[in-house]
């Protein structure tokens, strides 16, 4: 008997995969709402900067050509804004992570991951045949620095997300430096939400040649749909990244929009202020324990209500949030709620009182 073509698929892709939040349009259709409060995906709820839109529109006129593979204009803008070179680019933070793992991880190599955290690290490592060691966080969801050092000393690559998704907790730069002092492998520091915190990690790049800092234009700049990721890397590593990266992974419209967004710091500043104001309001007014954090979302323990029941109850009231029961180590009573518009946030606060 001939084997099924399905048998050609690698085991790691036969099930599982990234867990997506429910779609707003599906919730709206199911419960009869014209619109729902979309608070499940840590998005910026506001339209992008006018400068980003203008530059993206101009770039559309040239999409019959391949993009500049080096994205010199974007890299120059990133260097001007952040004061570090070299930078590398990719299709979202996912694209950055995938390429970094591709360059560093061979079958059997150990990768240390501080957990619970963003699940794509695991997916990228498994795809390369790497071995994963999850390092549990402290009871308050801060990083267990000593335990992480013990694991990372044996690892080829390690991952820390700060502020961490989904807990929002921030690892201090001094703790990152303490880790880098003790390990020989590469540390990937995921800074997708760093603009919403007070932490500053870029100065560490001048001191450590085994640090990579990943960033995204999806959150503070409101360009999630354009999939723009970038990373600050050591000079020795940039050629390795470019050798492994998918050709033309970042398209010219996205790159142009990123340049426009970075040239409009006022837009980002206004959204950061909005997030910080609502984060404080949430911590004060939500009738359940809120994990203190520094991101554009909050983690809430709805115990004794399960996260799945909480998500369904809020959906019936037109509010879409994320259950966190798919994050190993969080249990079954945590939900993650993004900071939305004023109207969306007020709608959530009213709805959660009815759990």
Protein backbone atom coordinates (compact mmCIF):
# COMPACT_ATOMS: atom_id res chain seq x y z
CA UNK A 1 0.00 0.00 0.00
CA UNK A 2 1.29 3.42 -0.91
CA UNK A 3 1.80 5.80 1.98
CA UNK A 4 -0.26 8.96 2.22
CA UNK A 5 1.35 12.19 0.97
CA UNK A 6 0.60 13.48 4.47
CA UNK A 7 3.44 11.30 5.75
CA UNK A 8 5.88 13.65 4.01
CA UNK A 9 4.96 16.46 6.42
CA UNK A 10 7.29 16.88 9.38
CA UNK A 11 5.78 15.87 12.71
CA UNK A 12 6.13 19.37 14.17
CA UNK A 13 3.69 20.71 11.55
CA UNK A 14 0.99 18.03 11.80
CA UNK A 15 -0.73 19.76 14.70
CA UNK A 16 -0.54 22.71 17.03
CA UNK A 17 0.86 25.93 15.65
CA UNK A 18 0.40 29.52 16.69
CA UNK A 19 -2.78 30.21 18.69
CA UNK A 20 -4.69 33.15 17.22
CA UNK A 21 -7.29 35.26 19.02
CA UNK A 22 -10.88 34.95 17.84
CA UNK A 23 -11.78 37.21 14.94
CA UNK A 24 -13.82 40.29 15.76
CA UNK A 25 -16.12 39.79 12.77
CA UNK A 26 -16.94 36.25 13.94
CA UNK A 27 -17.84 37.45 17.43
CA UNK A 28 -19.91 40.30 16.01
CA UNK A 29 -21.82 37.94 13.73
CA UNK A 30 -22.40 35.35 16.46
CA UNK A 31 -23.79 37.81 19.01
CA UNK A 32 -25.40 40.35 16.68
CA UNK A 33 -23.13 43.35 17.28
CA UNK A 34 -22.33 45.92 14.60
CA UNK A 35 -18.91 46.32 16.19
CA UNK A 36 -16.98 44.80 19.06
CA UNK A 37 -14.25 46.11 21.34
CA UNK A 38 -11.13 44.44 19.90
CA UNK A 39 -8.93 43.96 22.96
CA UNK A 40 -7.42 40.52 22.25
CA UNK A 41 -4.33 41.09 20.10
CA UNK A 42 -2.31 43.93 21.69
CA UNK A 43 -2.94 46.16 18.68
CA UNK A 44 -2.83 49.93 18.42
CA UNK A 45 -6.54 50.84 18.05
CA UNK A 46 -5.87 54.09 16.18
CA UNK A 47 -5.13 54.66 12.48
CA UNK A 48 -1.43 55.08 11.67
CA UNK A 49 0.45 58.35 11.42
CA UNK A 50 -0.50 60.50 8.43
CA UNK A 51 3.19 60.55 7.52
CA UNK A 52 3.27 56.76 7.43
CA UNK A 53 0.18 56.64 5.23
CA UNK A 54 1.56 59.27 2.85
CA UNK A 55 4.87 57.48 2.35
CA UNK A 56 3.13 54.12 1.94
CA UNK A 57 0.84 55.61 -0.71
CA UNK A 58 3.80 57.01 -2.61
CA UNK A 59 5.58 53.65 -2.48
CA UNK A 60 2.55 51.91 -3.99
CA UNK A 61 3.35 53.59 -7.29
CA UNK A 62 6.53 51.50 -7.54
CA UNK A 63 5.31 48.06 -6.51
CA UNK A 64 5.90 46.74 -10.02
CA UNK A 65 9.58 46.67 -9.00
CA UNK A 66 11.28 44.58 -6.35
CA UNK A 67 12.12 46.45 -3.15
CA UNK A 68 15.57 47.62 -2.15
CA UNK A 69 16.81 44.51 -0.37
CA UNK A 70 18.99 46.53 1.99
CA UNK A 71 16.25 49.03 2.94
CA UNK A 72 18.89 51.72 3.36
CA UNK A 73 16.40 54.52 4.06
CA UNK A 74 14.73 52.57 6.86
CA UNK A 75 17.99 51.44 8.40
CA UNK A 76 19.33 55.01 8.31
CA UNK A 77 16.16 56.25 10.03
CA UNK A 78 16.41 53.54 12.69
CA UNK A 79 20.03 54.48 13.36
CA UNK A 80 19.08 58.16 13.61
CA UNK A 81 16.21 57.50 16.03
CA UNK A 82 17.83 54.83 18.21
CA UNK A 83 21.54 55.53 17.90
CA UNK A 84 22.63 52.02 16.95
CA UNK A 85 23.97 50.38 13.82
CA UNK A 86 23.76 47.79 12.35
CA UNK A 87 20.08 46.96 12.21
CA UNK A 88 18.40 44.15 10.30
CA UNK A 89 14.80 43.97 9.09
CA UNK A 90 12.18 41.30 8.57
CA UNK A 91 8.51 40.55 8.12
CA UNK A 92 7.32 41.34 11.63
CA UNK A 93 8.94 40.22 14.86
CA UNK A 94 8.09 36.67 13.80
CA UNK A 95 10.28 37.03 10.73
CA UNK A 96 13.15 38.36 12.80
CA UNK A 97 12.86 35.49 15.31
CA UNK A 98 12.61 32.86 12.60
CA UNK A 99 15.72 34.13 10.82
CA UNK A 100 17.74 34.44 14.03
CA UNK A 101 16.86 30.87 14.99
CA UNK A 102 17.72 29.69 11.47
CA UNK A 103 21.20 31.19 11.74
CA UNK A 104 21.99 29.87 15.20
CA UNK A 105 20.13 26.64 15.99
CA UNK A 106 21.11 23.23 14.63
CA UNK A 107 19.29 19.98 15.45
CA UNK A 108 19.81 19.14 19.12
CA UNK A 109 21.04 22.60 20.17
CA UNK A 110 19.64 23.77 23.50
CA UNK A 111 17.54 26.94 23.66
CA UNK A 112 16.49 28.49 26.99
CA UNK A 113 13.15 30.34 27.12
CA UNK A 114 11.76 32.30 30.06
CA UNK A 115 8.13 31.16 30.40
CA UNK A 116 5.21 31.78 30.20
CA UNK A 117 5.86 33.90 27.13
CA UNK A 118 5.29 34.44 23.41
CA UNK A 119 4.78 31.01 21.84
CA UNK A 120 6.51 31.70 18.52
CA UNK A 121 9.95 31.18 20.09
CA UNK A 122 9.04 27.53 20.62
CA UNK A 123 7.64 27.12 17.13
CA UNK A 124 10.75 28.55 15.49
CA UNK A 125 13.12 26.43 17.57
CA UNK A 126 11.18 23.20 17.01
CA UNK A 127 11.20 23.87 13.26
CA UNK A 128 15.02 23.83 13.39
CA UNK A 129 15.16 20.69 15.51
CA UNK A 130 16.36 22.49 18.61
CA UNK A 131 15.80 21.35 22.19
CA UNK A 132 13.90 23.73 24.49
CA UNK A 133 14.35 24.31 28.20
CA UNK A 134 11.58 26.43 29.69
CA UNK A 135 12.62 28.48 32.71
CA UNK A 136 9.62 29.24 34.97
CA UNK A 137 9.23 32.78 36.22
CA UNK A 138 8.86 33.85 39.84
CA UNK A 139 5.38 33.70 41.46
CA UNK A 140 4.90 37.40 40.62
CA UNK A 141 5.89 36.65 36.98
CA UNK A 142 9.16 38.55 37.16
CA UNK A 143 12.22 36.83 35.71
CA UNK A 144 13.96 34.29 37.94
CA UNK A 145 17.41 35.61 37.04
CA UNK A 146 19.48 32.93 38.78
CA UNK A 147 17.46 30.07 37.30
CA UNK A 148 17.63 31.65 33.87
CA UNK A 149 21.42 32.02 34.08
CA UNK A 150 21.76 28.36 35.05
CA UNK A 151 19.78 27.30 31.97
CA UNK A 152 21.27 29.83 29.55
CA UNK A 153 24.84 28.86 30.45
CA UNK A 154 24.24 25.59 28.60
CA UNK A 155 22.22 27.09 25.74
CA UNK A 156 23.22 28.14 22.24
CA UNK A 157 20.42 30.73 22.22
CA UNK A 158 18.13 32.16 24.89
CA UNK A 159 14.93 34.22 24.79
CA UNK A 160 13.62 36.86 27.17
CA UNK A 161 10.63 39.06 26.38
CA UNK A 162 10.57 42.39 28.23
CA UNK A 163 7.97 43.67 28.80
CA UNK A 164 6.85 40.07 28.72
CA UNK A 165 3.90 38.80 26.72
CA UNK A 166 1.45 37.87 28.25
CA UNK A 167 2.35 39.00 31.79
CA UNK A 168 3.55 42.54 30.98
CA UNK A 169 6.33 42.27 33.55
CA UNK A 170 9.57 44.14 32.89
CA UNK A 171 13.07 42.73 33.38
CA UNK A 172 15.43 45.50 34.46
CA UNK A 173 18.43 46.28 32.23
CA UNK A 174 20.73 45.51 35.16
CA UNK A 175 19.34 41.97 35.29
CA UNK A 176 19.89 41.55 31.54
CA UNK A 177 23.49 42.71 32.02
CA UNK A 178 23.94 40.23 34.87
CA UNK A 179 22.77 37.42 32.60
CA UNK A 180 25.04 38.48 29.73
CA UNK A 181 27.99 38.58 32.13
CA UNK A 182 27.50 34.87 32.82
CA UNK A 183 26.61 33.29 29.48
CA UNK A 184 28.45 32.59 26.24
CA UNK A 185 25.44 31.93 24.02
CA UNK A 186 23.30 34.52 22.26
CA UNK A 187 20.52 36.30 24.14
CA UNK A 188 17.54 37.46 22.07
CA UNK A 189 15.73 40.22 23.94
CA UNK A 190 12.23 40.75 22.57
CA UNK A 191 11.35 44.43 23.00
CA UNK A 192 8.02 44.45 21.15
CA UNK A 193 6.41 46.46 23.96
CA UNK A 194 9.37 48.38 25.33
CA UNK A 195 8.11 51.84 24.36
CA UNK A 196 5.30 51.51 26.91
CA UNK A 197 7.79 50.98 29.76
CA UNK A 198 10.64 52.99 31.26
CA UNK A 199 13.29 50.38 30.45
CA UNK A 200 16.16 51.20 28.09
CA UNK A 201 18.31 48.35 26.80
CA UNK A 202 20.11 49.77 23.77
CA UNK A 203 23.19 50.91 25.77
CA UNK A 204 23.86 47.23 26.55
CA UNK A 205 24.63 46.60 22.88
CA UNK A 206 27.90 48.50 23.22
CA UNK A 207 29.01 46.22 26.04
CA UNK A 208 27.95 42.76 24.86
CA UNK A 209 28.53 41.08 21.50
CA UNK A 210 26.09 38.27 22.28
CA UNK A 211 22.96 40.44 22.56
CA UNK A 212 20.28 40.86 19.88
CA UNK A 213 17.34 43.19 20.53
CA UNK A 214 14.18 42.64 18.49
CA UNK A 215 11.64 45.40 17.87
CA UNK A 216 8.43 45.85 15.87
CA UNK A 217 6.41 48.62 14.24
CA UNK A 218 3.15 46.81 15.06
CA UNK A 219 2.43 48.20 18.50
CA UNK A 220 3.35 51.80 19.27
CA UNK A 221 3.40 52.80 15.59
CA UNK A 222 0.13 51.11 14.62
CA UNK A 223 1.44 49.20 11.59
CA UNK A 224 0.57 45.62 12.58
CA UNK A 225 -1.00 44.82 9.22
CA UNK A 226 2.19 45.75 7.35
CA UNK A 227 4.41 43.27 9.27
CA UNK A 228 7.54 45.30 10.00
CA UNK A 229 10.17 43.91 12.34
CA UNK A 230 13.72 44.99 12.98
CA UNK A 231 16.57 44.14 15.30
CA UNK A 232 19.68 45.76 16.69
CA UNK A 233 22.51 43.29 16.23
CA UNK A 234 26.28 43.06 16.79
CA UNK A 235 28.37 44.02 13.76
CA UNK A 236 29.77 40.49 13.42
CA UNK A 237 26.26 39.01 13.19
CA UNK A 238 24.64 41.23 10.53
CA UNK A 239 26.17 39.37 7.52
CA UNK A 240 25.04 36.04 8.99
CA UNK A 241 21.49 37.32 9.31
CA UNK A 242 21.42 38.63 5.75
CA UNK A 243 22.75 35.31 4.43
CA UNK A 244 19.86 33.42 6.05
CA UNK A 245 17.02 35.91 5.58
CA UNK A 246 14.25 35.30 3.07
CA UNK A 247 14.89 37.55 0.04
CA UNK A 248 12.67 40.65 -0.07
CA UNK A 249 10.90 39.60 3.13
CA UNK A 250 10.06 43.22 3.94
CA UNK A 251 8.11 44.84 1.11
CA UNK A 252 8.68 48.41 -0.11
CA UNK A 253 5.29 49.73 1.05
CA UNK A 254 5.91 48.50 4.59
CA UNK A 255 9.44 49.92 4.63
CA UNK A 256 8.21 53.30 3.41
CA UNK A 257 5.43 53.38 6.00
CA UNK A 258 7.98 52.59 8.71
CA UNK A 259 10.16 55.53 7.67
CA UNK A 260 7.12 57.81 7.79
CA UNK A 261 6.06 56.52 11.21
CA UNK A 262 9.54 56.97 12.67
CA UNK A 263 9.58 60.57 11.43
CA UNK A 264 6.45 61.32 13.50
CA UNK A 265 7.44 60.88 17.16
CA UNK A 266 4.41 62.87 18.27
CA UNK A 267 2.09 60.09 17.13
CA UNK A 268 3.94 57.48 19.19
CA UNK A 269 4.13 59.80 22.19
CA UNK A 270 0.39 60.36 22.22
CA UNK A 271 -0.35 56.65 22.10
CA UNK A 272 2.16 55.88 24.85
CA UNK A 273 0.48 58.49 27.08
CA UNK A 274 -2.93 56.99 26.27
CA UNK A 275 -1.73 53.49 27.19
CA UNK A 276 -0.16 54.57 30.46
CA UNK A 277 -3.30 56.45 31.49
CA UNK A 278 -5.58 53.50 30.81
CA UNK A 279 -3.19 51.01 32.37
CA UNK A 280 -3.47 52.94 35.63
CA UNK A 281 -7.26 53.13 35.30
CA UNK A 282 -7.49 49.39 34.67
CA UNK A 283 -5.36 48.60 37.72
CA UNK A 284 -7.67 50.78 39.83
CA UNK A 285 -11.08 49.83 38.45
CA UNK A 286 -10.89 46.18 37.38
CA UNK A 287 -12.52 44.08 40.14
CA UNK A 288 -9.94 41.28 39.82
CA UNK A 289 -6.18 41.07 40.49
CA UNK A 290 -4.13 42.76 37.76
CA UNK A 291 -0.46 41.87 37.24
CA UNK A 292 1.58 45.12 37.28
CA UNK A 293 3.23 45.58 33.90
CA UNK A 294 4.73 47.91 31.35
CA UNK A 295 3.04 46.97 28.07
CA UNK A 296 -0.07 48.03 26.13
CA UNK A 297 -2.13 45.31 27.82
CA UNK A 298 -2.85 43.95 31.27
CA UNK A 299 -3.00 40.39 32.58
CA UNK A 300 -5.98 39.68 34.83
CA UNK A 301 -6.69 36.71 37.10
CA UNK A 302 -10.45 36.13 36.91
CA UNK A 303 -10.44 33.29 39.48
CA UNK A 304 -12.85 31.62 40.27
CA UNK A 305 -14.13 32.25 36.73
CA UNK A 306 -12.17 30.28 34.12
CA UNK A 307 -10.52 32.24 31.33
CA UNK A 308 -12.66 30.49 28.71
CA UNK A 309 -15.85 31.36 30.58
CA UNK A 310 -14.63 34.94 31.01
CA UNK A 311 -13.88 35.25 27.29
CA UNK A 312 -17.32 33.92 26.35
CA UNK A 313 -19.09 36.15 28.86
CA UNK A 314 -17.29 39.25 27.63
CA UNK A 315 -17.91 38.28 23.99
CA UNK A 316 -21.64 38.16 24.69
CA UNK A 317 -21.27 41.80 25.72
CA UNK A 318 -19.34 42.75 22.61
CA UNK A 319 -15.84 42.68 24.10
CA UNK A 320 -13.10 40.49 22.62
CA UNK A 321 -10.20 39.54 24.94
CA UNK A 322 -7.59 36.77 24.96
CA UNK A 323 -7.73 33.64 27.08
CA UNK A 324 -4.26 32.77 28.36
CA UNK A 325 -4.85 29.09 29.08
CA UNK A 326 -2.66 28.24 26.06
CA UNK A 327 0.38 29.76 27.80
CA UNK A 328 2.11 27.00 29.80
CA UNK A 329 2.47 27.98 33.43
CA UNK A 330 -0.42 30.43 33.67
CA UNK A 331 -3.27 28.13 34.61
CA UNK A 332 -6.88 28.46 33.52
CA UNK A 333 -8.08 31.75 35.02
CA UNK A 334 -6.03 34.43 33.26
CA UNK A 335 -7.13 36.77 30.48
CA UNK A 336 -5.07 39.35 28.61
CA UNK A 337 -6.75 42.64 27.76
CA UNK A 338 -5.26 45.19 25.37
CA UNK A 339 -5.60 48.93 25.83
CA UNK A 340 -8.10 50.07 23.20
CA UNK A 341 -9.83 53.35 22.49
CA UNK A 342 -11.51 55.22 25.34
CA UNK A 343 -14.85 53.81 24.22
CA UNK A 344 -13.53 50.24 24.04
CA UNK A 345 -11.89 50.47 27.47
CA UNK A 346 -15.05 51.82 29.10
CA UNK A 347 -17.07 49.09 27.43
CA UNK A 348 -14.70 46.47 28.85
CA UNK A 349 -14.84 47.92 32.37
CA UNK A 350 -18.61 47.79 32.28
CA UNK A 351 -18.64 44.24 30.92
CA UNK A 352 -16.13 42.73 33.35
CA UNK A 353 -18.26 43.76 36.33
CA UNK A 354 -20.84 41.27 35.08
CA UNK A 355 -18.62 38.17 35.16
